[in-house]
Amino acid sequence: MLDLNTVKEYLRLDTDAEDEYLNILILLSEEICENFTRAPLPDELPKSYEQAMLICIGYFFEHRDGTKEGLPGVIYTLLQPYRKAAF
């Protein structure tokens, strides 16, 4: 799983003011990845998973007001190899 320090480094944040919100975004990014791949997160995250989660967190951090439509498509491109077939 992603830790708070990794997320703060990615977002270039130096303060603790947003920590509670960032923890919520970490959980949200995990849920989005699990929903798209139709599988629980792997115990050890591949780098592509980690990058997809960071992009997702960055998206929601920057667009809190919902003014932009949809997640960046690269998230799905990074997760596609891990997606389970649905029947």
PDB file of N, CA and C in Angstrom:
ATOM      1  N   MET A   1       0.831  -1.191   0.000  1.00  0.00           N
ATOM      2  CA  MET A   1       0.000   0.000   0.000  1.00  0.00           C
ATOM      3  C   MET A   1       0.869   1.246   0.000  1.00  0.00           C
ATOM      4  N   LEU A   2       0.279   2.306  -0.467  1.00  0.00           N
ATOM      5  CA  LEU A   2       0.987   3.585  -0.451  1.00  0.00           C
ATOM      6  C   LEU A   2       0.976   4.158   0.955  1.00  0.00           C
ATOM      7  N   ASP A   3       2.078   4.757   1.337  1.00  0.00           N
ATOM      8  CA  ASP A   3       2.076   5.430   2.636  1.00  0.00           C
ATOM      9  C   ASP A   3       1.967   6.937   2.429  1.00  0.00           C
ATOM     10  N   LEU A   4       1.629   7.610   3.487  1.00  0.00           N
ATOM     11  CA  LEU A   4       1.377   9.041   3.437  1.00  0.00           C
ATOM     12  C   LEU A   4       2.605   9.817   2.962  1.00  0.00           C
ATOM     13  N   ASN A   5       3.781   9.434   3.401  1.00  0.00           N
ATOM     14  CA  ASN A   5       4.994  10.147   3.007  1.00  0.00           C
ATOM     15  C   ASN A   5       5.243  10.056   1.506  1.00  0.00           C
ATOM     16  N   THR A   6       4.973   8.900   0.902  1.00  0.00           N
ATOM     17  CA  THR A   6       5.134   8.735  -0.537  1.00  0.00           C
ATOM     18  C   THR A   6       4.188   9.665  -1.289  1.00  0.00           C
ATOM     19  N   VAL A   7       2.956   9.740  -0.817  1.00  0.00           N
ATOM     20  CA  VAL A   7       1.948  10.603  -1.448  1.00  0.00           C
ATOM     21  C   VAL A   7       2.347  12.070  -1.316  1.00  0.00           C
ATOM     22  N   LYS A   8       2.799  12.471  -0.130  1.00  0.00           N
ATOM     23  CA  LYS A   8       3.187  13.863   0.084  1.00  0.00           C
ATOM     24  C   LYS A   8       4.401  14.235  -0.762  1.00  0.00           C
ATOM     25  N   GLU A   9       5.308  13.314  -0.928  1.00  0.00           N
ATOM     26  CA  GLU A   9       6.467  13.567  -1.790  1.00  0.00           C
ATOM     27  C   GLU A   9       6.013  13.735  -3.240  1.00  0.00           C
ATOM     28  N   TYR A  10       5.106  12.863  -3.702  1.00  0.00           N
ATOM     29  CA  TYR A  10       4.592  12.939  -5.065  1.00  0.00           C
ATOM     30  C   TYR A  10       3.898  14.287  -5.315  1.00  0.00           C
ATOM     31  N   LEU A  11       3.128  14.738  -4.323  1.00  0.00           N
ATOM     32  CA  LEU A  11       2.388  15.993  -4.454  1.00  0.00           C
ATOM     33  C   LEU A  11       3.224  17.217  -4.072  1.00  0.00           C
ATOM     34  N   ARG A  12       4.447  16.973  -3.595  1.00  0.00           N
ATOM     35  CA  ARG A  12       5.353  18.032  -3.174  1.00  0.00           C
ATOM     36  C   ARG A  12       4.761  18.883  -2.061  1.00  0.00           C
ATOM     37  N   LEU A  13       4.246  18.190  -1.034  1.00  0.00           N
ATOM     38  CA  LEU A  13       3.670  18.861   0.129  1.00  0.00           C
ATOM     39  C   LEU A  13       4.637  18.764   1.302  1.00  0.00           C
ATOM     40  N   ASP A  14       4.803  19.877   2.011  1.00  0.00           N
ATOM     41  CA  ASP A  14       5.726  19.910   3.144  1.00  0.00           C
ATOM     42  C   ASP A  14       5.030  19.997   4.493  1.00  0.00           C
ATOM     43  N   THR A  15       3.739  20.254   4.495  1.00  0.00           N
ATOM     44  CA  THR A  15       3.033  20.427   5.763  1.00  0.00           C
ATOM     45  C   THR A  15       2.134  19.230   6.048  1.00  0.00           C
ATOM     46  N   ASP A  16       1.619  19.204   7.260  1.00  0.00           N
ATOM     47  CA  ASP A  16       0.700  18.142   7.676  1.00  0.00           C
ATOM     48  C   ASP A  16      -0.760  18.569   7.558  1.00  0.00           C
ATOM     49  N   ALA A  17      -1.005  19.737   7.032  1.00  0.00           N
ATOM     50  CA  ALA A  17      -2.353  20.304   6.994  1.00  0.00           C
ATOM     51  C   ALA A  17      -3.341  19.446   6.214  1.00  0.00           C
ATOM     52  N   GLU A  18      -2.882  18.721   5.213  1.00  0.00           N
ATOM     53  CA  GLU A  18      -3.768  17.945   4.342  1.00  0.00           C
ATOM     54  C   GLU A  18      -3.738  16.443   4.651  1.00  0.00           C
ATOM     55  N   ASP A  19      -3.074  16.034   5.708  1.00  0.00           N
ATOM     56  CA  ASP A  19      -2.872  14.603   5.972  1.00  0.00           C
ATOM     57  C   ASP A  19      -4.165  13.806   6.054  1.00  0.00           C
ATOM     58  N   GLU A  20      -5.157  14.337   6.734  1.00  0.00           N
ATOM     59  CA  GLU A  20      -6.429  13.611   6.866  1.00  0.00           C
ATOM     60  C   GLU A  20      -7.084  13.406   5.502  1.00  0.00           C
ATOM     61  N   TYR A  21      -7.091  14.444   4.692  1.00  0.00           N
ATOM     62  CA  TYR A  21      -7.661  14.337   3.350  1.00  0.00           C
ATOM     63  C   TYR A  21      -6.856  13.370   2.485  1.00  0.00           C
ATOM     64  N   LEU A  22      -5.543  13.425   2.588  1.00  0.00           N
ATOM     65  CA  LEU A  22      -4.693  12.523   1.809  1.00  0.00           C
ATOM     66  C   LEU A  22      -4.929  11.063   2.179  1.00  0.00           C
ATOM     67  N   ASN A  23      -5.147  10.790   3.458  1.00  0.00           N
ATOM     68  CA  ASN A  23      -5.451   9.412   3.873  1.00  0.00           C
ATOM     69  C   ASN A  23      -6.758   8.927   3.257  1.00  0.00           C
ATOM     70  N   ILE A  24      -7.726   9.814   3.149  1.00  0.00           N
ATOM     71  CA  ILE A  24      -8.991   9.470   2.491  1.00  0.00           C
ATOM     72  C   ILE A  24      -8.736   9.186   1.009  1.00  0.00           C
ATOM     73  N   LEU A  25      -7.902   9.999   0.373  1.00  0.00           N
ATOM     74  CA  LEU A  25      -7.600   9.801  -1.043  1.00  0.00           C
ATOM     75  C   LEU A  25      -6.821   8.512  -1.291  1.00  0.00           C
ATOM     76  N   ILE A  26      -5.979   8.130  -0.357  1.00  0.00           N
ATOM     77  CA  ILE A  26      -5.273   6.851  -0.477  1.00  0.00           C
ATOM     78  C   ILE A  26      -6.280   5.707  -0.497  1.00  0.00           C
ATOM     79  N   LEU A  27      -7.230   5.737   0.424  1.00  0.00           N
ATOM     80  CA  LEU A  27      -8.268   4.694   0.454  1.00  0.00           C
ATOM     81  C   LEU A  27      -9.114   4.719  -0.811  1.00  0.00           C
ATOM     82  N   LEU A  28      -9.446   5.913  -1.288  1.00  0.00           N
ATOM     83  CA  LEU A  28     -10.228   6.045  -2.517  1.00  0.00           C
ATOM     84  C   LEU A  28      -9.477   5.460  -3.705  1.00  0.00           C
ATOM     85  N   SER A  29      -8.186   5.748  -3.809  1.00  0.00           N
ATOM     86  CA  SER A  29      -7.401   5.224  -4.932  1.00  0.00           C
ATOM     87  C   SER A  29      -7.311   3.703  -4.879  1.00  0.00           C
ATOM     88  N   GLU A  30      -7.215   3.139  -3.684  1.00  0.00           N
ATOM     89  CA  GLU A  30      -7.214   1.681  -3.539  1.00  0.00           C
ATOM     90  C   GLU A  30      -8.533   1.099  -4.037  1.00  0.00           C
ATOM     91  N   GLU A  31      -9.625   1.732  -3.645  1.00  0.00           N
ATOM     92  CA  GLU A  31     -10.952   1.261  -4.051  1.00  0.00           C
ATOM     93  C   GLU A  31     -11.137   1.349  -5.562  1.00  0.00           C
ATOM     94  N   ILE A  32     -10.688   2.422  -6.163  1.00  0.00           N
ATOM     95  CA  ILE A  32     -10.804   2.589  -7.613  1.00  0.00           C
ATOM     96  C   ILE A  32     -10.005   1.502  -8.328  1.00  0.00           C
ATOM     97  N   CYS A  33      -8.799   1.224  -7.854  1.00  0.00           N
ATOM     98  CA  CYS A  33      -7.973   0.182  -8.467  1.00  0.00           C
ATOM     99  C   CYS A  33      -8.628  -1.193  -8.328  1.00  0.00           C
ATOM    100  N   GLU A  34      -9.147  -1.480  -7.152  1.00  0.00           N
ATOM    101  CA  GLU A  34      -9.804  -2.774  -6.944  1.00  0.00           C
ATOM    102  C   GLU A  34     -11.053  -2.906  -7.811  1.00  0.00           C
ATOM    103  N   ASN A  35     -11.809  -1.843  -7.921  1.00  0.00           N
ATOM    104  CA  ASN A  35     -13.017  -1.895  -8.752  1.00  0.00           C
ATOM    105  C   ASN A  35     -12.682  -2.094 -10.224  1.00  0.00           C
ATOM    106  N   PHE A  36     -11.664  -1.408 -10.710  1.00  0.00           N
ATOM    107  CA  PHE A  36     -11.310  -1.545 -12.118  1.00  0.00           C
ATOM    108  C   PHE A  36     -10.721  -2.921 -12.416  1.00  0.00           C
ATOM    109  N   THR A  37      -9.822  -3.393 -11.565  1.00  0.00           N
ATOM    110  CA  THR A  37      -9.166  -4.677 -11.831  1.00  0.00           C
ATOM    111  C   THR A  37     -10.029  -5.869 -11.439  1.00  0.00           C
ATOM    112  N   ARG A  38     -11.081  -5.605 -10.678  1.00  0.00           N
ATOM    113  CA  ARG A  38     -11.964  -6.672 -10.182  1.00  0.00           C
ATOM    114  C   ARG A  38     -11.195  -7.666  -9.314  1.00  0.00           C
ATOM    115  N   ALA A  39     -10.224  -7.149  -8.572  1.00  0.00           N
ATOM    116  CA  ALA A  39      -9.390  -7.998  -7.722  1.00  0.00           C
ATOM    117  C   ALA A  39      -8.865  -7.164  -6.555  1.00  0.00           C
ATOM    118  N   PRO A  40      -8.596  -7.811  -5.428  1.00  0.00           N
ATOM    119  CA  PRO A  40      -7.991  -7.069  -4.321  1.00  0.00           C
ATOM    120  C   PRO A  40      -6.573  -6.604  -4.684  1.00  0.00           C
ATOM    121  N   LEU A  41      -6.110  -5.584  -3.995  1.00  0.00           N
ATOM    122  CA  LEU A  41      -4.754  -5.104  -4.245  1.00  0.00           C
ATOM    123  C   LEU A  41      -3.750  -6.199  -3.931  1.00  0.00           C
ATOM    124  N   PRO A  42      -2.725  -6.319  -4.743  1.00  0.00           N
ATOM    125  CA  PRO A  42      -1.680  -7.310  -4.437  1.00  0.00           C
ATOM    126  C   PRO A  42      -0.933  -6.911  -3.168  1.00  0.00           C
ATOM    127  N   ASP A  43      -0.370  -7.892  -2.472  1.00  0.00           N
ATOM    128  CA  ASP A  43       0.377  -7.603  -1.251  1.00  0.00           C
ATOM    129  C   ASP A  43       1.555  -6.679  -1.523  1.00  0.00           C
ATOM    130  N   GLU A  44       2.234  -6.919  -2.626  1.00  0.00           N
ATOM    131  CA  GLU A  44       3.325  -6.044  -3.028  1.00  0.00           C
ATOM    132  C   GLU A  44       2.896  -5.335  -4.313  1.00  0.00           C
ATOM    133  N   LEU A  45       2.753  -4.027  -4.228  1.00  0.00           N
ATOM    134  CA  LEU A  45       2.250  -3.271  -5.371  1.00  0.00           C
ATOM    135  C   LEU A  45       3.277  -3.178  -6.491  1.00  0.00           C
ATOM    136  N   PRO A  46       2.898  -3.574  -7.701  1.00  0.00           N
ATOM    137  CA  PRO A  46       3.761  -3.301  -8.849  1.00  0.00           C
ATOM    138  C   PRO A  46       3.866  -1.787  -9.055  1.00  0.00           C
ATOM    139  N   LYS A  47       4.927  -1.351  -9.681  1.00  0.00           N
ATOM    140  CA  LYS A  47       5.140   0.089  -9.895  1.00  0.00           C
ATOM    141  C   LYS A  47       4.019   0.723 -10.715  1.00  0.00           C
ATOM    142  N   SER A  48       3.452  -0.023 -11.648  1.00  0.00           N
ATOM    143  CA  SER A  48       2.366   0.539 -12.452  1.00  0.00           C
ATOM    144  C   SER A  48       1.114   0.776 -11.600  1.00  0.00           C
ATOM    145  N   TYR A  49       0.858  -0.111 -10.663  1.00  0.00           N
ATOM    146  CA  TYR A  49      -0.251   0.079  -9.720  1.00  0.00           C
ATOM    147  C   TYR A  49      -0.009   1.330  -8.880  1.00  0.00           C
ATOM    148  N   GLU A  50       1.211   1.417  -8.343  1.00  0.00           N
ATOM    149  CA  GLU A  50       1.572   2.552  -7.501  1.00  0.00           C
ATOM    150  C   GLU A  50       1.410   3.864  -8.262  1.00  0.00           C
ATOM    151  N   GLN A  51       1.866   3.888  -9.505  1.00  0.00           N
ATOM    152  CA  GLN A  51       1.749   5.108 -10.300  1.00  0.00           C
ATOM    153  C   GLN A  51       0.289   5.445 -10.580  1.00  0.00           C
ATOM    154  N   ALA A  52      -0.521   4.446 -10.882  1.00  0.00           N
ATOM    155  CA  ALA A  52      -1.951   4.686 -11.107  1.00  0.00           C
ATOM    156  C   ALA A  52      -2.600   5.283  -9.865  1.00  0.00           C
ATOM    157  N   MET A  53      -2.240   4.767  -8.706  1.00  0.00           N
ATOM    158  CA  MET A  53      -2.805   5.285  -7.459  1.00  0.00           C
ATOM    159  C   MET A  53      -2.356   6.718  -7.208  1.00  0.00           C
ATOM    160  N   LEU A  54      -1.096   7.019  -7.458  1.00  0.00           N
ATOM    161  CA  LEU A  54      -0.600   8.378  -7.257  1.00  0.00           C
ATOM    162  C   LEU A  54      -1.271   9.363  -8.210  1.00  0.00           C
ATOM    163  N   ILE A  55      -1.466   8.961  -9.450  1.00  0.00           N
ATOM    164  CA  ILE A  55      -2.151   9.838 -10.409  1.00  0.00           C
ATOM    165  C   ILE A  55      -3.589  10.080  -9.971  1.00  0.00           C
ATOM    166  N   CYS A  56      -4.230   9.040  -9.499  1.00  0.00           N
ATOM    167  CA  CYS A  56      -5.608   9.153  -9.002  1.00  0.00           C
ATOM    168  C   CYS A  56      -5.674  10.122  -7.815  1.00  0.00           C
ATOM    169  N   ILE A  57      -4.755   9.969  -6.888  1.00  0.00           N
ATOM    170  CA  ILE A  57      -4.711  10.853  -5.718  1.00  0.00           C
ATOM    171  C   ILE A  57      -4.448  12.290  -6.160  1.00  0.00           C
ATOM    172  N   GLY A  58      -3.496  12.476  -7.060  1.00  0.00           N
ATOM    173  CA  GLY A  58      -3.197  13.809  -7.560  1.00  0.00           C
ATOM    174  C   GLY A  58      -4.390  14.451  -8.234  1.00  0.00           C
ATOM    175  N   TYR A  59      -5.125  13.642  -8.998  1.00  0.00           N
ATOM    176  CA  TYR A  59      -6.320  14.149  -9.685  1.00  0.00           C
ATOM    177  C   TYR A  59      -7.342  14.676  -8.673  1.00  0.00           C
ATOM    178  N   PHE A  60      -7.676  13.858  -7.680  1.00  0.00           N
ATOM    179  CA  PHE A  60      -8.684  14.279  -6.699  1.00  0.00           C
ATOM    180  C   PHE A  60      -8.171  15.391  -5.792  1.00  0.00           C
ATOM    181  N   PHE A  61      -6.879  15.438  -5.544  1.00  0.00           N
ATOM    182  CA  PHE A  61      -6.310  16.520  -4.738  1.00  0.00           C
ATOM    183  C   PHE A  61      -6.441  17.849  -5.468  1.00  0.00           C
ATOM    184  N   GLU A  62      -6.199  17.852  -6.773  1.00  0.00           N
ATOM    185  CA  GLU A  62      -6.251  19.076  -7.561  1.00  0.00           C
ATOM    186  C   GLU A  62      -7.670  19.481  -7.970  1.00  0.00           C
ATOM    187  N   HIS A  63      -8.583  18.516  -8.053  1.00  0.00           N
ATOM    188  CA  HIS A  63      -9.940  18.802  -8.542  1.00  0.00           C
ATOM    189  C   HIS A  63     -10.980  18.462  -7.481  1.00  0.00           C
ATOM    190  N   ARG A  64     -10.829  19.035  -6.330  1.00  0.00           N
ATOM    191  CA  ARG A  64     -11.755  18.764  -5.216  1.00  0.00           C
ATOM    192  C   ARG A  64     -13.177  19.194  -5.515  1.00  0.00           C
ATOM    193  N   ASP A  65     -13.313  20.196  -6.320  1.00  0.00           N
ATOM    194  CA  ASP A  65     -14.646  20.733  -6.581  1.00  0.00           C
ATOM    195  C   ASP A  65     -15.375  19.996  -7.699  1.00  0.00           C
ATOM    196  N   GLY A  66     -14.739  19.019  -8.309  1.00  0.00           N
ATOM    197  CA  GLY A  66     -15.398  18.221  -9.336  1.00  0.00           C
ATOM    198  C   GLY A  66     -15.589  18.927 -10.659  1.00  0.00           C
ATOM    199  N   THR A  67     -14.790  19.961 -10.925  1.00  0.00           N
ATOM    200  CA  THR A  67     -14.988  20.728 -12.154  1.00  0.00           C
ATOM    201  C   THR A  67     -14.464  20.032 -13.399  1.00  0.00           C
ATOM    202  N   LYS A  68     -13.606  19.062 -13.237  1.00  0.00           N
ATOM    203  CA  LYS A  68     -13.074  18.352 -14.400  1.00  0.00           C
ATOM    204  C   LYS A  68     -13.767  17.000 -14.501  1.00  0.00           C
ATOM    205  N   GLU A  69     -14.018  16.561 -15.710  1.00  0.00           N
ATOM    206  CA  GLU A  69     -14.752  15.316 -15.907  1.00  0.00           C
ATOM    207  C   GLU A  69     -13.825  14.124 -16.060  1.00  0.00           C
ATOM    208  N   GLY A  70     -14.033  13.102 -15.252  1.00  0.00           N
ATOM    209  CA  GLY A  70     -13.372  11.826 -15.414  1.00  0.00           C
ATOM    210  C   GLY A  70     -11.911  11.771 -15.007  1.00  0.00           C
ATOM    211  N   LEU A  71     -11.513  10.584 -14.600  1.00  0.00           N
ATOM    212  CA  LEU A  71     -10.123  10.332 -14.244  1.00  0.00           C
ATOM    213  C   LEU A  71      -9.258  10.292 -15.502  1.00  0.00           C
ATOM    214  N   PRO A  72      -7.981  10.625 -15.373  1.00  0.00           N
ATOM    215  CA  PRO A  72      -7.087  10.517 -16.533  1.00  0.00           C
ATOM    216  C   PRO A  72      -7.036   9.080 -17.050  1.00  0.00           C
ATOM    217  N   GLY A  73      -7.121   8.914 -18.341  1.00  0.00           N
ATOM    218  CA  GLY A  73      -7.154   7.592 -18.959  1.00  0.00           C
ATOM    219  C   GLY A  73      -5.928   6.743 -18.697  1.00  0.00           C
ATOM    220  N   VAL A  74      -4.797   7.395 -18.412  1.00  0.00           N
ATOM    221  CA  VAL A  74      -3.571   6.639 -18.172  1.00  0.00           C
ATOM    222  C   VAL A  74      -3.713   5.721 -16.956  1.00  0.00           C
ATOM    223  N   ILE A  75      -4.576   6.056 -16.034  1.00  0.00           N
ATOM    224  CA  ILE A  75      -4.809   5.196 -14.865  1.00  0.00           C
ATOM    225  C   ILE A  75      -5.271   3.819 -15.333  1.00  0.00           C
ATOM    226  N   TYR A  76      -6.212   3.810 -16.255  1.00  0.00           N
ATOM    227  CA  TYR A  76      -6.749   2.541 -16.748  1.00  0.00           C
ATOM    228  C   TYR A  76      -5.724   1.794 -17.596  1.00  0.00           C
ATOM    229  N   THR A  77      -4.899   2.540 -18.324  1.00  0.00           N
ATOM    230  CA  THR A  77      -3.841   1.913 -19.115  1.00  0.00           C
ATOM    231  C   THR A  77      -2.845   1.198 -18.202  1.00  0.00           C
ATOM    232  N   LEU A  78      -2.489   1.826 -17.098  1.00  0.00           N
ATOM    233  CA  LEU A  78      -1.544   1.226 -16.151  1.00  0.00           C
ATOM    234  C   LEU A  78      -2.109  -0.010 -15.462  1.00  0.00           C
ATOM    235  N   LEU A  79      -3.420  -0.021 -15.239  1.00  0.00           N
ATOM    236  CA  LEU A  79      -4.055  -1.135 -14.509  1.00  0.00           C
ATOM    237  C   LEU A  79      -4.559  -2.254 -15.415  1.00  0.00           C
ATOM    238  N   GLN A  80      -4.684  -1.996 -16.701  1.00  0.00           N
ATOM    239  CA  GLN A  80      -5.271  -2.973 -17.635  1.00  0.00           C
ATOM    240  C   GLN A  80      -4.644  -4.376 -17.555  1.00  0.00           C
ATOM    241  N   PRO A  81      -3.324  -4.511 -17.429  1.00  0.00           N
ATOM    242  CA  PRO A  81      -2.747  -5.858 -17.372  1.00  0.00           C
ATOM    243  C   PRO A  81      -3.187  -6.674 -16.161  1.00  0.00           C
ATOM    244  N   TYR A  82      -3.703  -6.016 -15.138  1.00  0.00           N
ATOM    245  CA  TYR A  82      -4.107  -6.709 -13.909  1.00  0.00           C
ATOM    246  C   TYR A  82      -5.613  -6.941 -13.839  1.00  0.00           C
ATOM    247  N   ARG A  83      -6.343  -6.485 -14.843  1.00  0.00           N
ATOM    248  CA  ARG A  83      -7.797  -6.598 -14.828  1.00  0.00           C
ATOM    249  C   ARG A  83      -8.236  -8.029 -15.078  1.00  0.00           C
ATOM    250  N   LYS A  84      -9.122  -8.508 -14.209  1.00  0.00           N
ATOM    251  CA  LYS A  84      -9.671  -9.861 -14.339  1.00  0.00           C
ATOM    252  C   LYS A  84     -10.875  -9.819 -15.279  1.00  0.00           C
ATOM    253  N   ALA A  85     -11.026 -10.865 -16.058  1.00  0.00           N
ATOM    254  CA  ALA A  85     -12.168 -10.976 -16.966  1.00  0.00           C
ATOM    255  C   ALA A  85     -13.449 -11.157 -16.140  1.00  0.00           C
ATOM    256  N   ALA A  86     -14.509 -10.581 -16.613  1.00  0.00           N
ATOM    257  CA  ALA A  86     -15.807 -10.721 -15.943  1.00  0.00           C
ATOM    258  C   ALA A  86     -16.704 -11.610 -16.792  1.00  0.00           C
ATOM    259  N   PHE A  87     -17.426 -12.464 -16.129  1.00  0.00           N
ATOM    260  CA  PHE A  87     -18.347 -13.357 -16.827  1.00  0.00           C
ATOM    261  C   PHE A  87     -19.749 -13.155 -16.309  1.00  0.00           C
TER     262      PHE A  87
END
